[in-house]
Amino acid sequence: MCEALLDTKQNQRQVVVAWLDLCNAYGSVKHNLVQFAFEWYHVPKSLRSLILDYYDKISACIETTKWSSPAFLFDLGLFQGCVLSCLLFRCVFQLLLDLLTPLAEQHGYHFRESPIVLHDQAFADDLSILSSCPQLSQASLDVVQRFLEGPLASQRNLHGFEDV
C-alpha cells in the first residue's frame, strides 16, 4: 500500500483507500457460517463433525455466592484464546475475500509503470480496499456490504464495520 501511495504522489494520480475493521468479528460468527465455509472449501466431513460437535455441545453456567444460572449453549462466536478460533475465522473471512478477488483487475489500483494491481489486503479482521476512483471503491464496498447483510445474513452474522 505504501508503494501505491508513493506511485500516486510521484505520478499525480488518484487513489481511494477504504480501511475497514469488522465489528466484534470473532464474537459474531455464527456456527452455521463456519459449517457453510467448511463445506464450501471441502473440509473433510470427519474434521467438520469433530469441530462442530465441539462448538455445538459446549455449555456453561454462571455461579455466584447467591445464585447460579441454568446451563446455556454457546451458539454464537468463536472462542477467544482457542488456537482453533483463528483458523475458523480465517476460513469464514476467506469467503468475503473470494468475492472480492474477481473485482481486483477492474476495481483495483493499477501502478503506472508496473503490471501490478492492488485491490484488497486483509489482516486478521481488518480489510483495506484500494481503487483509482470513488465509484470503483464504492462498487467494491457494495460487495462487502452485500456479503455482510445479504440473503444469507442470518448465516453471515458479521454485523458490519466499526468506524475507523
N, C-alpha and C. Protein backbone atom coordinates (compact mmCIF):
# COMPACT_ATOMS: atom_id res chain seq x y z
N MET A 1 0.82 -1.18 0.00
CA MET A 1 0.00 0.00 0.00
C MET A 1 0.87 1.25 0.00
N CYS A 2 1.97 1.19 0.72
CA CYS A 2 2.89 2.32 0.75
C CYS A 2 3.38 2.64 -0.66
N GLU A 3 3.70 1.60 -1.42
CA GLU A 3 4.15 1.82 -2.80
C GLU A 3 3.06 2.42 -3.67
N ALA A 4 1.82 2.02 -3.44
CA ALA A 4 0.71 2.60 -4.20
C ALA A 4 0.56 4.09 -3.87
N LEU A 5 0.69 4.43 -2.60
CA LEU A 5 0.60 5.84 -2.22
C LEU A 5 1.75 6.65 -2.80
N LEU A 6 2.95 6.07 -2.82
CA LEU A 6 4.09 6.75 -3.44
C LEU A 6 3.87 6.91 -4.94
N ASP A 7 3.33 5.88 -5.58
CA ASP A 7 3.06 5.93 -7.02
C ASP A 7 2.06 7.06 -7.34
N THR A 8 1.05 7.21 -6.51
CA THR A 8 0.06 8.26 -6.76
C THR A 8 0.68 9.64 -6.58
N LYS A 9 1.54 9.78 -5.60
CA LYS A 9 2.16 11.08 -5.35
C LYS A 9 3.15 11.44 -6.46
N GLN A 10 3.99 10.49 -6.83
CA GLN A 10 5.01 10.75 -7.84
C GLN A 10 4.41 11.00 -9.22
N ASN A 11 3.31 10.34 -9.53
CA ASN A 11 2.70 10.46 -10.85
C ASN A 11 1.43 11.31 -10.85
N GLN A 12 1.15 11.96 -9.74
CA GLN A 12 -0.03 12.81 -9.58
C GLN A 12 -1.30 12.10 -10.06
N ARG A 13 -1.53 10.94 -9.43
CA ARG A 13 -2.70 10.13 -9.76
C ARG A 13 -3.59 10.05 -8.54
N GLN A 14 -4.82 9.61 -8.74
CA GLN A 14 -5.78 9.48 -7.67
C GLN A 14 -5.81 8.05 -7.14
N VAL A 15 -5.96 7.93 -5.84
CA VAL A 15 -6.19 6.63 -5.21
C VAL A 15 -7.25 6.83 -4.13
N VAL A 16 -8.11 5.85 -4.00
CA VAL A 16 -9.12 5.86 -2.95
C VAL A 16 -8.85 4.65 -2.08
N VAL A 17 -8.70 4.87 -0.78
CA VAL A 17 -8.42 3.78 0.16
C VAL A 17 -9.54 3.73 1.19
N ALA A 18 -10.11 2.56 1.37
CA ALA A 18 -11.10 2.34 2.43
C ALA A 18 -10.50 1.35 3.41
N TRP A 19 -10.42 1.75 4.67
CA TRP A 19 -9.94 0.87 5.73
C TRP A 19 -11.14 0.41 6.53
N LEU A 20 -11.29 -0.89 6.65
CA LEU A 20 -12.44 -1.47 7.33
C LEU A 20 -11.97 -2.37 8.47
N ASP A 21 -12.72 -2.34 9.55
CA ASP A 21 -12.44 -3.20 10.69
C ASP A 21 -13.75 -3.86 11.08
N LEU A 22 -13.81 -5.17 10.97
CA LEU A 22 -15.04 -5.87 11.31
C LEU A 22 -15.35 -5.69 12.79
N CYS A 23 -16.58 -5.37 13.07
CA CYS A 23 -17.05 -5.14 14.44
C CYS A 23 -17.32 -6.49 15.12
N ASN A 24 -16.70 -6.70 16.27
CA ASN A 24 -16.90 -7.94 17.04
C ASN A 24 -16.76 -9.17 16.16
N ALA A 25 -15.72 -9.20 15.37
CA ALA A 25 -15.56 -10.22 14.33
C ALA A 25 -15.63 -11.65 14.87
N TYR A 26 -14.85 -11.96 15.85
CA TYR A 26 -14.84 -13.33 16.37
C TYR A 26 -16.13 -13.63 17.13
N GLY A 27 -16.62 -12.67 17.87
CA GLY A 27 -17.80 -12.89 18.70
C GLY A 27 -19.10 -12.98 17.96
N SER A 28 -19.13 -12.58 16.69
CA SER A 28 -20.39 -12.56 15.95
C SER A 28 -20.49 -13.62 14.86
N VAL A 29 -19.52 -14.49 14.75
CA VAL A 29 -19.58 -15.55 13.73
C VAL A 29 -20.51 -16.65 14.21
N LYS A 30 -21.55 -16.89 13.41
CA LYS A 30 -22.47 -17.98 13.74
C LYS A 30 -21.84 -19.31 13.32
N HIS A 31 -22.12 -20.31 14.10
CA HIS A 31 -21.52 -21.62 13.85
C HIS A 31 -21.98 -22.23 12.53
N ASN A 32 -23.18 -21.91 12.09
CA ASN A 32 -23.62 -22.45 10.81
C ASN A 32 -22.88 -21.80 9.64
N LEU A 33 -22.32 -20.60 9.83
CA LEU A 33 -21.48 -20.00 8.79
C LEU A 33 -20.15 -20.73 8.71
N VAL A 34 -19.63 -21.14 9.85
CA VAL A 34 -18.41 -21.96 9.86
C VAL A 34 -18.68 -23.26 9.11
N GLN A 35 -19.83 -23.86 9.38
CA GLN A 35 -20.20 -25.10 8.69
C GLN A 35 -20.29 -24.88 7.19
N PHE A 36 -20.92 -23.77 6.78
CA PHE A 36 -21.02 -23.46 5.35
C PHE A 36 -19.62 -23.31 4.73
N ALA A 37 -18.75 -22.58 5.40
CA ALA A 37 -17.39 -22.36 4.89
C ALA A 37 -16.64 -23.69 4.78
N PHE A 38 -16.80 -24.55 5.78
CA PHE A 38 -16.15 -25.87 5.73
C PHE A 38 -16.61 -26.65 4.51
N GLU A 39 -17.91 -26.65 4.28
CA GLU A 39 -18.43 -27.38 3.12
C GLU A 39 -17.96 -26.73 1.82
N TRP A 40 -17.96 -25.40 1.77
CA TRP A 40 -17.55 -24.67 0.58
C TRP A 40 -16.10 -24.99 0.21
N TYR A 41 -15.24 -25.07 1.23
CA TYR A 41 -13.82 -25.33 0.99
C TYR A 41 -13.45 -26.80 1.10
N HIS A 42 -14.45 -27.66 1.10
CA HIS A 42 -14.25 -29.11 1.03
C HIS A 42 -13.42 -29.67 2.19
N VAL A 43 -13.66 -29.17 3.39
CA VAL A 43 -13.02 -29.73 4.58
C VAL A 43 -13.62 -31.11 4.80
N PRO A 44 -12.79 -32.11 5.06
CA PRO A 44 -13.32 -33.48 5.23
C PRO A 44 -14.42 -33.53 6.30
N LYS A 45 -15.42 -34.33 6.01
CA LYS A 45 -16.60 -34.42 6.89
C LYS A 45 -16.22 -34.83 8.31
N SER A 46 -15.29 -35.72 8.47
CA SER A 46 -14.90 -36.16 9.81
C SER A 46 -14.33 -35.00 10.63
N LEU A 47 -13.54 -34.14 10.01
CA LEU A 47 -12.98 -32.97 10.70
C LEU A 47 -14.07 -31.94 10.97
N ARG A 48 -14.96 -31.72 10.01
CA ARG A 48 -16.08 -30.80 10.21
C ARG A 48 -16.91 -31.23 11.40
N SER A 49 -17.23 -32.51 11.45
CA SER A 49 -18.06 -33.04 12.54
C SER A 49 -17.40 -32.86 13.89
N LEU A 50 -16.13 -33.14 13.97
CA LEU A 50 -15.39 -33.00 15.22
C LEU A 50 -15.42 -31.56 15.72
N ILE A 51 -15.11 -30.62 14.84
CA ILE A 51 -15.07 -29.21 15.25
C ILE A 51 -16.47 -28.69 15.57
N LEU A 52 -17.44 -29.02 14.76
CA LEU A 52 -18.79 -28.52 15.01
C LEU A 52 -19.42 -29.15 16.25
N ASP A 53 -19.09 -30.40 16.55
CA ASP A 53 -19.54 -31.01 17.81
C ASP A 53 -18.98 -30.24 19.00
N TYR A 54 -17.72 -29.87 18.91
CA TYR A 54 -17.08 -29.09 19.98
C TYR A 54 -17.84 -27.78 20.19
N TYR A 55 -18.13 -27.08 19.11
CA TYR A 55 -18.81 -25.79 19.23
C TYR A 55 -20.29 -25.94 19.57
N ASP A 56 -20.95 -26.97 19.08
CA ASP A 56 -22.39 -27.11 19.31
C ASP A 56 -22.74 -27.70 20.67
N LYS A 57 -21.81 -28.38 21.30
CA LYS A 57 -22.16 -29.09 22.53
C LYS A 57 -21.55 -28.49 23.79
N ILE A 58 -20.68 -27.53 23.66
CA ILE A 58 -20.07 -26.94 24.85
C ILE A 58 -21.08 -26.00 25.52
N SER A 59 -21.14 -26.05 26.83
CA SER A 59 -22.08 -25.21 27.56
C SER A 59 -21.39 -24.66 28.81
N ALA A 60 -22.06 -23.71 29.43
CA ALA A 60 -21.53 -23.10 30.64
C ALA A 60 -22.69 -22.67 31.51
N CYS A 61 -22.39 -22.30 32.72
CA CYS A 61 -23.38 -21.69 33.60
C CYS A 61 -22.64 -20.64 34.44
N ILE A 62 -23.39 -19.73 34.97
CA ILE A 62 -22.83 -18.67 35.80
C ILE A 62 -23.19 -18.96 37.24
N GLU A 63 -22.19 -18.94 38.11
CA GLU A 63 -22.42 -19.19 39.53
C GLU A 63 -21.86 -18.06 40.35
N THR A 64 -22.65 -17.59 41.27
CA THR A 64 -22.20 -16.60 42.25
C THR A 64 -22.44 -17.20 43.63
N THR A 65 -22.13 -16.46 44.66
CA THR A 65 -22.38 -16.98 46.01
C THR A 65 -23.87 -17.02 46.32
N LYS A 66 -24.69 -16.26 45.56
CA LYS A 66 -26.12 -16.18 45.86
C LYS A 66 -27.02 -16.89 44.85
N TRP A 67 -26.55 -17.14 43.66
CA TRP A 67 -27.39 -17.76 42.65
C TRP A 67 -26.53 -18.40 41.57
N SER A 68 -27.17 -19.21 40.77
CA SER A 68 -26.50 -19.79 39.60
C SER A 68 -27.51 -19.90 38.47
N SER A 69 -27.01 -19.77 37.28
CA SER A 69 -27.88 -19.85 36.10
C SER A 69 -27.98 -21.28 35.63
N PRO A 70 -29.02 -21.56 34.87
CA PRO A 70 -29.05 -22.87 34.21
C PRO A 70 -27.96 -22.91 33.14
N ALA A 71 -27.61 -24.09 32.72
CA ALA A 71 -26.60 -24.25 31.67
C ALA A 71 -27.11 -23.65 30.37
N PHE A 72 -26.21 -23.03 29.62
CA PHE A 72 -26.58 -22.45 28.33
C PHE A 72 -25.51 -22.82 27.31
N LEU A 73 -25.95 -22.89 26.05
CA LEU A 73 -25.05 -23.23 24.95
C LEU A 73 -24.44 -21.98 24.35
N PHE A 74 -23.28 -22.12 23.76
CA PHE A 74 -22.64 -21.04 23.02
C PHE A 74 -23.01 -21.25 21.55
N ASP A 75 -24.02 -20.54 21.07
CA ASP A 75 -24.44 -20.72 19.68
C ASP A 75 -23.94 -19.62 18.76
N LEU A 76 -23.13 -18.74 19.30
CA LEU A 76 -22.63 -17.62 18.52
C LEU A 76 -21.20 -17.33 18.94
N GLY A 77 -20.35 -17.08 17.98
CA GLY A 77 -19.00 -16.64 18.28
C GLY A 77 -17.98 -17.76 18.31
N LEU A 78 -16.75 -17.33 18.12
CA LEU A 78 -15.61 -18.24 18.21
C LEU A 78 -14.91 -17.96 19.53
N PHE A 79 -14.40 -18.98 20.15
CA PHE A 79 -13.85 -18.85 21.49
C PHE A 79 -12.50 -18.14 21.48
N GLN A 80 -12.41 -17.02 22.17
CA GLN A 80 -11.16 -16.29 22.28
C GLN A 80 -10.16 -17.14 23.06
N GLY A 81 -8.95 -17.17 22.60
CA GLY A 81 -7.92 -17.95 23.27
C GLY A 81 -7.81 -19.38 22.77
N CYS A 82 -8.78 -19.83 22.03
CA CYS A 82 -8.72 -21.17 21.45
C CYS A 82 -7.85 -21.12 20.21
N VAL A 83 -6.88 -22.00 20.11
CA VAL A 83 -5.97 -21.98 18.97
C VAL A 83 -6.71 -22.22 17.65
N LEU A 84 -7.84 -22.85 17.71
CA LEU A 84 -8.62 -23.15 16.52
C LEU A 84 -9.40 -21.93 16.01
N SER A 85 -9.71 -20.99 16.90
CA SER A 85 -10.58 -19.88 16.51
C SER A 85 -9.98 -19.03 15.40
N CYS A 86 -8.69 -18.84 15.38
CA CYS A 86 -8.06 -18.05 14.30
C CYS A 86 -8.25 -18.74 12.96
N LEU A 87 -8.07 -20.04 12.92
CA LEU A 87 -8.27 -20.78 11.67
C LEU A 87 -9.72 -20.74 11.22
N LEU A 88 -10.64 -20.88 12.16
CA LEU A 88 -12.05 -20.86 11.81
C LEU A 88 -12.45 -19.50 11.28
N PHE A 89 -11.99 -18.43 11.92
CA PHE A 89 -12.32 -17.09 11.45
C PHE A 89 -11.75 -16.85 10.05
N ARG A 90 -10.51 -17.24 9.83
CA ARG A 90 -9.89 -17.05 8.51
C ARG A 90 -10.67 -17.81 7.44
N CYS A 91 -11.18 -18.97 7.77
CA CYS A 91 -11.96 -19.76 6.82
C CYS A 91 -13.23 -19.00 6.44
N VAL A 92 -13.90 -18.40 7.42
CA VAL A 92 -15.12 -17.62 7.17
C VAL A 92 -14.78 -16.33 6.42
N PHE A 93 -13.73 -15.63 6.85
CA PHE A 93 -13.34 -14.37 6.23
C PHE A 93 -12.90 -14.57 4.78
N GLN A 94 -12.36 -15.74 4.49
CA GLN A 94 -11.92 -16.05 3.13
C GLN A 94 -13.09 -16.04 2.15
N LEU A 95 -14.29 -16.36 2.63
CA LEU A 95 -15.47 -16.29 1.77
C LEU A 95 -15.63 -14.88 1.19
N LEU A 96 -15.45 -13.87 2.03
CA LEU A 96 -15.53 -12.48 1.57
C LEU A 96 -14.39 -12.15 0.62
N LEU A 97 -13.19 -12.57 0.96
CA LEU A 97 -12.04 -12.28 0.10
C LEU A 97 -12.21 -12.93 -1.28
N ASP A 98 -12.80 -14.10 -1.30
CA ASP A 98 -13.04 -14.76 -2.59
C ASP A 98 -14.05 -13.99 -3.44
N LEU A 99 -14.99 -13.31 -2.81
CA LEU A 99 -15.92 -12.47 -3.56
C LEU A 99 -15.24 -11.24 -4.14
N LEU A 100 -14.23 -10.74 -3.46
CA LEU A 100 -13.53 -9.54 -3.91
C LEU A 100 -12.49 -9.82 -5.00
N THR A 101 -11.95 -11.01 -5.03
CA THR A 101 -10.86 -11.34 -5.96
C THR A 101 -11.18 -11.03 -7.42
N PRO A 102 -12.37 -11.40 -7.93
CA PRO A 102 -12.64 -11.11 -9.34
C PRO A 102 -12.75 -9.61 -9.66
N LEU A 103 -12.90 -8.78 -8.64
CA LEU A 103 -13.02 -7.35 -8.85
C LEU A 103 -11.68 -6.64 -8.98
N ALA A 104 -10.61 -7.30 -8.59
CA ALA A 104 -9.31 -6.65 -8.49
C ALA A 104 -8.85 -6.01 -9.79
N GLU A 105 -8.94 -6.70 -10.88
CA GLU A 105 -8.43 -6.18 -12.15
C GLU A 105 -9.15 -4.91 -12.58
N GLN A 106 -10.45 -4.90 -12.44
CA GLN A 106 -11.22 -3.73 -12.88
C GLN A 106 -11.29 -2.63 -11.81
N HIS A 107 -11.42 -3.01 -10.53
CA HIS A 107 -11.65 -2.03 -9.48
C HIS A 107 -10.38 -1.60 -8.76
N GLY A 108 -9.30 -2.37 -8.88
CA GLY A 108 -8.11 -2.10 -8.10
C GLY A 108 -7.29 -0.93 -8.62
N TYR A 109 -6.25 -0.61 -7.85
CA TYR A 109 -5.33 0.46 -8.23
C TYR A 109 -4.25 -0.13 -9.13
N HIS A 110 -4.09 0.44 -10.32
CA HIS A 110 -3.08 0.00 -11.28
C HIS A 110 -1.86 0.91 -11.17
N PHE A 111 -0.72 0.33 -10.90
CA PHE A 111 0.52 1.11 -10.86
C PHE A 111 0.84 1.62 -12.25
N ARG A 112 1.43 2.78 -12.30
CA ARG A 112 1.68 3.42 -13.60
C ARG A 112 2.68 2.65 -14.45
N GLU A 113 3.78 2.21 -13.86
CA GLU A 113 4.84 1.58 -14.65
C GLU A 113 5.06 0.13 -14.26
N SER A 114 4.00 -0.53 -13.88
CA SER A 114 4.11 -1.92 -13.46
C SER A 114 2.79 -2.63 -13.74
N PRO A 115 2.83 -3.92 -14.01
CA PRO A 115 1.57 -4.65 -14.24
C PRO A 115 0.84 -5.00 -12.93
N ILE A 116 1.37 -4.56 -11.82
CA ILE A 116 0.78 -4.91 -10.53
C ILE A 116 -0.51 -4.12 -10.30
N VAL A 117 -1.52 -4.83 -9.80
CA VAL A 117 -2.80 -4.22 -9.42
C VAL A 117 -3.02 -4.53 -7.95
N LEU A 118 -3.33 -3.51 -7.18
CA LEU A 118 -3.59 -3.68 -5.75
C LEU A 118 -5.04 -3.33 -5.48
N HIS A 119 -5.78 -4.27 -4.92
CA HIS A 119 -7.19 -4.03 -4.66
C HIS A 119 -7.54 -4.21 -3.19
N ASP A 120 -7.37 -5.41 -2.68
CA ASP A 120 -7.75 -5.65 -1.29
C ASP A 120 -6.61 -6.33 -0.55
N GLN A 121 -6.47 -5.94 0.70
CA GLN A 121 -5.49 -6.54 1.59
C GLN A 121 -6.19 -6.81 2.92
N ALA A 122 -5.94 -7.96 3.49
CA ALA A 122 -6.58 -8.33 4.73
C ALA A 122 -5.55 -8.77 5.76
N PHE A 123 -5.83 -8.45 7.00
CA PHE A 123 -5.04 -8.93 8.13
C PHE A 123 -6.00 -9.08 9.30
N ALA A 124 -6.04 -10.29 9.85
CA ALA A 124 -6.97 -10.61 10.95
C ALA A 124 -8.38 -10.22 10.52
N ASP A 125 -9.02 -9.27 11.22
CA ASP A 125 -10.37 -8.86 10.85
C ASP A 125 -10.38 -7.48 10.19
N ASP A 126 -9.24 -7.03 9.73
CA ASP A 126 -9.12 -5.73 9.05
C ASP A 126 -9.01 -5.94 7.55
N LEU A 127 -9.57 -5.00 6.81
CA LEU A 127 -9.57 -5.09 5.36
C LEU A 127 -9.34 -3.70 4.79
N SER A 128 -8.44 -3.60 3.82
CA SER A 128 -8.27 -2.34 3.10
C SER A 128 -8.57 -2.60 1.63
N ILE A 129 -9.24 -1.62 1.02
CA ILE A 129 -9.60 -1.72 -0.39
C ILE A 129 -9.07 -0.48 -1.09
N LEU A 130 -8.29 -0.68 -2.15
CA LEU A 130 -7.73 0.41 -2.94
C LEU A 130 -8.37 0.42 -4.31
N SER A 131 -8.69 1.62 -4.77
CA SER A 131 -9.26 1.81 -6.11
C SER A 131 -8.71 3.11 -6.67
N SER A 132 -8.92 3.31 -7.96
CA SER A 132 -8.42 4.52 -8.60
C SER A 132 -9.45 5.65 -8.62
N CYS A 133 -10.70 5.35 -8.23
CA CYS A 133 -11.72 6.41 -8.19
C CYS A 133 -12.80 6.03 -7.18
N PRO A 134 -13.55 7.02 -6.69
CA PRO A 134 -14.58 6.74 -5.69
C PRO A 134 -15.66 5.76 -6.16
N GLN A 135 -16.02 5.81 -7.44
CA GLN A 135 -17.08 4.93 -7.94
C GLN A 135 -16.66 3.46 -7.87
N LEU A 136 -15.41 3.16 -8.24
CA LEU A 136 -14.94 1.78 -8.17
C LEU A 136 -14.78 1.33 -6.73
N SER A 137 -14.34 2.24 -5.88
CA SER A 137 -14.24 1.92 -4.45
C SER A 137 -15.61 1.58 -3.90
N GLN A 138 -16.60 2.39 -4.24
CA GLN A 138 -17.95 2.16 -3.74
C GLN A 138 -18.51 0.83 -4.26
N ALA A 139 -18.21 0.49 -5.49
CA ALA A 139 -18.67 -0.79 -6.04
C ALA A 139 -18.09 -1.97 -5.25
N SER A 140 -16.83 -1.86 -4.88
CA SER A 140 -16.20 -2.92 -4.07
C SER A 140 -16.81 -2.95 -2.67
N LEU A 141 -17.04 -1.79 -2.09
CA LEU A 141 -17.64 -1.72 -0.76
C LEU A 141 -19.07 -2.27 -0.77
N ASP A 142 -19.77 -2.08 -1.88
CA ASP A 142 -21.12 -2.64 -2.00
C ASP A 142 -21.09 -4.16 -1.95
N VAL A 143 -20.07 -4.77 -2.55
CA VAL A 143 -19.92 -6.22 -2.49
C VAL A 143 -19.71 -6.66 -1.05
N VAL A 144 -18.87 -5.94 -0.32
CA VAL A 144 -18.64 -6.25 1.09
C VAL A 144 -19.94 -6.14 1.87
N GLN A 145 -20.67 -5.06 1.65
CA GLN A 145 -21.92 -4.86 2.37
C GLN A 145 -22.93 -5.96 2.05
N ARG A 146 -23.04 -6.34 0.79
CA ARG A 146 -23.97 -7.42 0.42
C ARG A 146 -23.58 -8.73 1.10
N PHE A 147 -22.28 -8.98 1.23
CA PHE A 147 -21.83 -10.19 1.92
C PHE A 147 -22.29 -10.16 3.38
N LEU A 148 -22.16 -9.00 4.02
CA LEU A 148 -22.47 -8.89 5.43
C LEU A 148 -23.97 -8.81 5.72
N GLU A 149 -24.75 -8.29 4.77
CA GLU A 149 -26.17 -8.06 5.01
C GLU A 149 -27.08 -8.79 4.04
N GLY A 150 -26.53 -9.59 3.14
CA GLY A 150 -27.30 -10.20 2.06
C GLY A 150 -28.28 -11.26 2.51
N PRO A 151 -28.76 -12.05 1.55
CA PRO A 151 -29.79 -13.05 1.83
C PRO A 151 -29.34 -14.09 2.86
N LEU A 152 -28.06 -14.29 2.98
CA LEU A 152 -27.56 -15.24 3.99
C LEU A 152 -27.11 -14.52 5.25
N ALA A 153 -27.61 -13.31 5.48
CA ALA A 153 -27.17 -12.53 6.64
C ALA A 153 -27.40 -13.28 7.94
N SER A 154 -28.44 -14.10 8.00
CA SER A 154 -28.65 -14.86 9.22
C SER A 154 -27.51 -15.85 9.44
N GLN A 155 -26.85 -16.29 8.35
CA GLN A 155 -25.68 -17.14 8.48
C GLN A 155 -24.42 -16.29 8.61
N ARG A 156 -24.39 -15.18 7.92
CA ARG A 156 -23.21 -14.32 7.93
C ARG A 156 -23.42 -13.20 8.93
N ASN A 157 -23.51 -13.52 10.17
CA ASN A 157 -23.81 -12.52 11.18
C ASN A 157 -22.52 -11.82 11.62
N LEU A 158 -21.84 -11.19 10.67
CA LEU A 158 -20.65 -10.40 10.96
C LEU A 158 -21.09 -8.95 10.88
N HIS A 159 -21.79 -8.46 11.80
CA HIS A 159 -22.66 -7.29 11.82
C HIS A 159 -22.23 -6.07 11.02
N GLY A 160 -21.03 -5.92 10.61
CA GLY A 160 -20.67 -4.73 9.89
C GLY A 160 -19.29 -4.28 10.26
N PHE A 161 -19.07 -3.00 10.14
CA PHE A 161 -17.76 -2.45 10.38
C PHE A 161 -17.80 -1.39 11.43
N GLU A 162 -16.71 -1.28 12.16
CA GLU A 162 -16.54 -0.18 13.09
C GLU A 162 -16.05 1.03 12.31
N ASP A 163 -16.33 2.21 12.80
CA ASP A 163 -15.77 3.40 12.17
C ASP A 163 -14.29 3.44 12.48
N VAL A 164 -13.50 3.77 11.47
CA VAL A 164 -12.05 3.84 11.64
C VAL A 164 -11.64 5.28 11.62
